[in-house]
N, C-alpha and C. Protein backbone atom coordinates (compact mmCIF):
# COMPACT_ATOMS: atom_id res chain seq x y z
N MET A 1 213.72 -48.19 174.69
CA MET A 1 213.18 -47.12 173.96
C MET A 1 211.70 -47.50 173.65
N LEU A 2 210.85 -46.54 173.57
CA LEU A 2 209.42 -46.71 173.21
C LEU A 2 209.10 -45.87 172.11
N ILE A 3 208.52 -46.40 171.16
CA ILE A 3 208.08 -45.68 169.88
C ILE A 3 206.60 -45.89 169.82
N ILE A 4 205.90 -44.75 169.75
CA ILE A 4 204.35 -44.85 169.60
C ILE A 4 203.94 -44.26 168.33
N LEU A 5 203.20 -45.10 167.55
CA LEU A 5 202.52 -44.64 166.34
C LEU A 5 201.07 -44.68 166.57
N TYR A 6 200.46 -43.40 166.46
CA TYR A 6 199.12 -43.25 166.68
C TYR A 6 198.43 -42.31 165.70
N GLY A 7 197.18 -42.52 165.30
CA GLY A 7 196.51 -41.66 164.45
C GLY A 7 195.37 -42.39 163.71
N GLU A 8 194.63 -41.54 163.07
CA GLU A 8 193.44 -42.09 162.37
C GLU A 8 193.80 -42.63 161.05
N ASP A 9 194.93 -42.19 160.47
CA ASP A 9 195.34 -42.69 159.06
C ASP A 9 196.16 -43.96 159.25
N SER A 10 195.56 -45.13 159.06
CA SER A 10 196.25 -46.44 159.22
C SER A 10 197.25 -46.59 158.14
N TYR A 11 197.08 -46.04 156.93
CA TYR A 11 198.07 -46.17 155.88
C TYR A 11 199.41 -45.63 156.24
N ARG A 12 199.34 -44.38 156.79
CA ARG A 12 200.59 -43.67 157.19
C ARG A 12 201.23 -44.34 158.37
N ARG A 13 200.36 -44.87 159.24
CA ARG A 13 200.94 -45.67 160.46
C ARG A 13 201.67 -46.88 159.88
N LEU A 14 201.23 -47.51 158.95
CA LEU A 14 201.81 -48.81 158.30
C LEU A 14 203.09 -48.37 157.67
N GLN A 15 203.09 -47.25 156.93
CA GLN A 15 204.29 -46.79 156.24
C GLN A 15 205.31 -46.43 157.29
N ALA A 16 204.95 -45.81 158.35
CA ALA A 16 205.98 -45.40 159.30
C ALA A 16 206.53 -46.74 160.11
N ARG A 17 205.60 -47.60 160.34
CA ARG A 17 206.06 -48.76 160.97
C ARG A 17 207.08 -49.57 160.02
N ARG A 18 206.79 -49.65 158.71
CA ARG A 18 207.63 -50.33 157.75
C ARG A 18 208.98 -49.53 157.70
N ALA A 19 209.02 -48.23 157.72
CA ALA A 19 210.22 -47.49 157.64
C ALA A 19 211.07 -47.70 158.82
N ILE A 20 210.48 -47.75 160.05
CA ILE A 20 211.20 -47.97 161.29
C ILE A 20 211.83 -49.45 161.22
N VAL A 21 211.07 -50.36 160.85
CA VAL A 21 211.51 -51.75 160.84
C VAL A 21 212.62 -51.91 159.80
N ALA A 22 212.50 -51.24 158.62
CA ALA A 22 213.53 -51.22 157.65
C ALA A 22 214.83 -50.65 158.12
N GLU A 23 214.74 -49.57 158.74
CA GLU A 23 215.79 -48.84 159.33
C GLU A 23 216.63 -49.75 160.35
N PHE A 24 215.78 -50.32 161.24
CA PHE A 24 216.40 -51.25 162.20
C PHE A 24 217.16 -52.38 161.50
N CYS A 25 216.40 -52.97 160.54
CA CYS A 25 217.12 -54.12 159.84
C CYS A 25 218.43 -53.72 159.01
N ALA A 26 218.40 -52.48 158.57
CA ALA A 26 219.63 -52.00 157.87
C ALA A 26 220.75 -51.79 158.96
N LYS A 27 220.49 -51.38 160.04
CA LYS A 27 221.48 -51.17 161.07
C LYS A 27 221.93 -52.36 161.82
N HIS A 28 220.96 -53.30 161.99
CA HIS A 28 221.16 -54.45 162.90
C HIS A 28 220.64 -55.64 162.09
N THR A 29 220.57 -56.82 162.62
CA THR A 29 220.06 -57.92 161.90
C THR A 29 218.48 -58.00 162.00
N PRO A 30 217.92 -58.57 160.89
CA PRO A 30 216.50 -58.71 160.87
C PRO A 30 215.91 -59.71 162.02
N ALA A 31 216.91 -60.62 162.37
CA ALA A 31 216.54 -61.54 163.48
C ALA A 31 216.03 -60.96 164.69
N GLY A 32 216.42 -59.70 164.82
CA GLY A 32 216.12 -58.95 166.21
C GLY A 32 214.69 -58.38 166.13
N VAL A 33 213.97 -58.56 165.09
CA VAL A 33 212.60 -57.99 164.87
C VAL A 33 211.59 -59.09 165.25
N SER A 34 210.64 -58.76 166.12
CA SER A 34 209.51 -59.74 166.32
C SER A 34 208.32 -58.86 166.44
N GLN A 35 207.17 -59.62 166.15
CA GLN A 35 205.85 -58.95 166.25
C GLN A 35 204.97 -59.70 167.14
N VAL A 36 204.23 -59.11 168.15
CA VAL A 36 203.39 -59.82 169.06
C VAL A 36 201.94 -59.23 168.83
N ALA A 37 201.07 -60.11 168.85
CA ALA A 37 199.58 -59.79 168.76
C ALA A 37 199.06 -59.72 170.14
N ALA A 38 198.81 -58.51 170.54
CA ALA A 38 198.41 -58.38 172.04
C ALA A 38 196.92 -58.74 172.28
N LEU A 39 196.18 -58.69 171.15
CA LEU A 39 194.70 -59.06 171.18
C LEU A 39 194.52 -60.54 171.51
N HIS A 40 195.42 -61.33 171.10
CA HIS A 40 195.41 -62.82 171.23
C HIS A 40 196.38 -63.34 172.27
N SER A 41 196.82 -62.47 173.13
CA SER A 41 197.76 -62.84 174.24
C SER A 41 197.24 -62.43 175.69
N THR A 42 197.58 -63.20 176.63
CA THR A 42 197.36 -62.72 177.98
C THR A 42 198.53 -61.89 178.43
N GLU A 43 198.37 -61.29 179.57
CA GLU A 43 199.44 -60.47 180.04
C GLU A 43 200.74 -61.27 180.33
N GLY A 44 200.68 -62.44 180.75
CA GLY A 44 201.69 -63.23 181.03
C GLY A 44 202.44 -63.65 179.76
N GLU A 45 201.68 -64.03 178.71
CA GLU A 45 202.31 -64.43 177.45
C GLU A 45 203.02 -63.25 176.91
N LEU A 46 202.34 -62.08 176.94
CA LEU A 46 203.13 -60.84 176.37
C LEU A 46 204.34 -60.62 177.05
N ARG A 47 204.29 -60.72 178.41
CA ARG A 47 205.54 -60.41 179.20
C ARG A 47 206.66 -61.44 178.77
N SER A 48 206.32 -62.64 178.64
CA SER A 48 207.36 -63.75 178.41
C SER A 48 207.83 -63.48 176.94
N ARG A 49 207.09 -63.05 175.97
CA ARG A 49 207.56 -62.85 174.68
C ARG A 49 208.46 -61.70 174.63
N VAL A 50 208.07 -60.60 175.36
CA VAL A 50 208.91 -59.42 175.43
C VAL A 50 210.17 -59.68 176.19
N ALA A 51 210.18 -60.46 177.21
CA ALA A 51 211.33 -60.69 178.04
C ALA A 51 212.35 -61.61 177.51
N ALA A 52 211.83 -62.43 176.52
CA ALA A 52 212.72 -63.48 175.90
C ALA A 52 213.85 -62.83 175.20
N SER A 53 215.03 -63.34 175.31
CA SER A 53 216.18 -62.77 174.57
C SER A 53 216.42 -63.39 173.16
N SER A 54 216.86 -62.72 172.28
CA SER A 54 217.32 -63.23 170.95
C SER A 54 218.62 -63.91 170.93
N LEU A 55 218.62 -65.11 170.31
CA LEU A 55 220.02 -65.76 170.12
C LEU A 55 220.77 -65.07 169.11
N PHE A 56 220.29 -64.44 168.10
CA PHE A 56 220.95 -63.95 166.95
C PHE A 56 221.24 -62.44 166.95
N SER A 57 220.63 -61.64 167.96
CA SER A 57 220.79 -60.26 167.82
C SER A 57 220.86 -59.74 169.40
N ALA A 58 221.84 -58.84 169.58
CA ALA A 58 221.96 -58.26 170.91
C ALA A 58 220.84 -57.25 171.11
N LEU A 59 220.35 -56.55 170.02
CA LEU A 59 219.35 -55.49 170.05
C LEU A 59 218.04 -56.04 169.48
N ARG A 60 216.92 -55.67 170.13
CA ARG A 60 215.64 -56.17 169.65
C ARG A 60 214.65 -55.07 169.42
N LEU A 61 213.78 -55.32 168.38
CA LEU A 61 212.68 -54.35 168.10
C LEU A 61 211.30 -55.22 168.17
N ILE A 62 210.52 -54.97 169.13
CA ILE A 62 209.22 -55.63 169.25
C ILE A 62 208.19 -54.77 168.87
N VAL A 63 207.33 -55.23 167.85
CA VAL A 63 206.35 -54.46 167.27
C VAL A 63 204.94 -55.00 167.85
N ILE A 64 204.17 -54.16 168.35
CA ILE A 64 202.83 -54.56 168.86
C ILE A 64 201.80 -53.72 168.23
N PRO A 65 201.24 -54.23 167.06
CA PRO A 65 200.48 -53.39 166.25
C PRO A 65 198.98 -53.03 166.82
N ASP A 66 198.46 -53.90 167.77
CA ASP A 66 197.14 -53.54 168.31
C ASP A 66 197.41 -53.20 169.83
N ALA A 67 198.35 -52.51 170.11
CA ALA A 67 198.63 -52.14 171.52
C ALA A 67 197.54 -51.48 172.33
N PHE A 68 196.83 -50.51 171.61
CA PHE A 68 195.93 -49.68 172.32
C PHE A 68 194.58 -50.37 172.52
N SER A 69 194.43 -51.60 172.01
CA SER A 69 193.21 -52.42 172.23
C SER A 69 193.22 -53.11 173.58
N VAL A 70 194.38 -53.33 174.15
CA VAL A 70 194.56 -54.14 175.33
C VAL A 70 195.09 -53.23 176.51
N PRO A 71 194.45 -53.26 177.63
CA PRO A 71 194.94 -52.32 178.72
C PRO A 71 196.26 -52.71 179.36
N PHE A 72 196.64 -53.94 179.39
CA PHE A 72 197.88 -54.35 180.16
C PHE A 72 199.15 -54.17 179.30
N VAL A 73 199.07 -53.70 178.19
CA VAL A 73 200.21 -53.34 177.25
C VAL A 73 200.97 -52.23 177.91
N ALA A 74 200.28 -51.34 178.59
CA ALA A 74 201.09 -50.16 179.18
C ALA A 74 202.03 -50.61 180.35
N THR A 75 201.52 -51.63 181.24
CA THR A 75 202.41 -51.97 182.29
C THR A 75 203.65 -52.89 181.79
N VAL A 76 203.34 -53.56 180.68
CA VAL A 76 204.40 -54.33 180.08
C VAL A 76 205.41 -53.33 179.43
N ALA A 77 204.93 -52.25 178.80
CA ALA A 77 205.74 -51.31 178.17
C ALA A 77 206.62 -50.59 179.23
N LYS A 78 206.20 -50.29 180.41
CA LYS A 78 206.93 -49.78 181.42
C LYS A 78 208.20 -50.63 181.86
N ASP A 79 207.98 -51.96 181.71
CA ASP A 79 209.09 -52.86 182.01
C ASP A 79 210.06 -52.98 180.96
N VAL A 80 209.59 -52.80 179.74
CA VAL A 80 210.52 -52.89 178.55
C VAL A 80 211.39 -51.67 178.50
N VAL A 81 210.89 -50.55 178.83
CA VAL A 81 211.71 -49.42 178.72
C VAL A 81 212.94 -49.37 179.58
N LYS A 82 212.84 -50.14 180.63
CA LYS A 82 214.07 -50.33 181.43
C LYS A 82 215.24 -51.05 180.80
N HIS A 83 214.99 -51.81 179.74
CA HIS A 83 216.06 -52.62 179.09
C HIS A 83 216.54 -51.75 177.87
N ALA A 84 217.80 -51.48 177.85
CA ALA A 84 218.43 -50.58 176.88
C ALA A 84 218.51 -51.34 175.53
N ALA A 85 218.49 -52.59 175.57
CA ALA A 85 218.74 -53.46 174.32
C ALA A 85 217.42 -53.70 173.59
N THR A 86 216.29 -53.22 174.13
CA THR A 86 214.93 -53.59 173.50
C THR A 86 214.21 -52.34 173.21
N THR A 87 213.77 -52.18 172.04
CA THR A 87 212.90 -51.10 171.49
C THR A 87 211.52 -51.66 171.34
N LEU A 88 210.47 -50.95 171.81
CA LEU A 88 209.17 -51.41 171.71
C LEU A 88 208.38 -50.40 170.89
N LEU A 89 207.81 -50.93 169.62
CA LEU A 89 207.04 -50.03 168.86
C LEU A 89 205.57 -50.46 169.07
N VAL A 90 204.78 -49.57 169.54
CA VAL A 90 203.37 -49.83 169.75
C VAL A 90 202.56 -48.95 168.72
N GLU A 91 201.55 -49.54 168.30
CA GLU A 91 200.66 -48.97 167.26
C GLU A 91 199.31 -48.99 167.72
N GLY A 92 198.47 -48.03 167.35
CA GLY A 92 197.02 -48.08 167.64
C GLY A 92 196.37 -47.04 166.92
């Protein structure tokens, strides 16, 4: 699944991100949530972080807060959408 948070109001985006993460943690384990800084990663690093499986949770939520600043996030997101156990939350 792919969740996109976009808009000029960064406060409301942050509120929405926190609500989504809190809902995920309430339904599943918080160990399944990870955040990746795309600005400080290469495409290979981002792919390996997204492809890595969690030892403690079957379902994963990966948050990329600076997703629209890096062009290769779109190609990585296309690969993630194929995995039913991974949800990608991109924000920009």
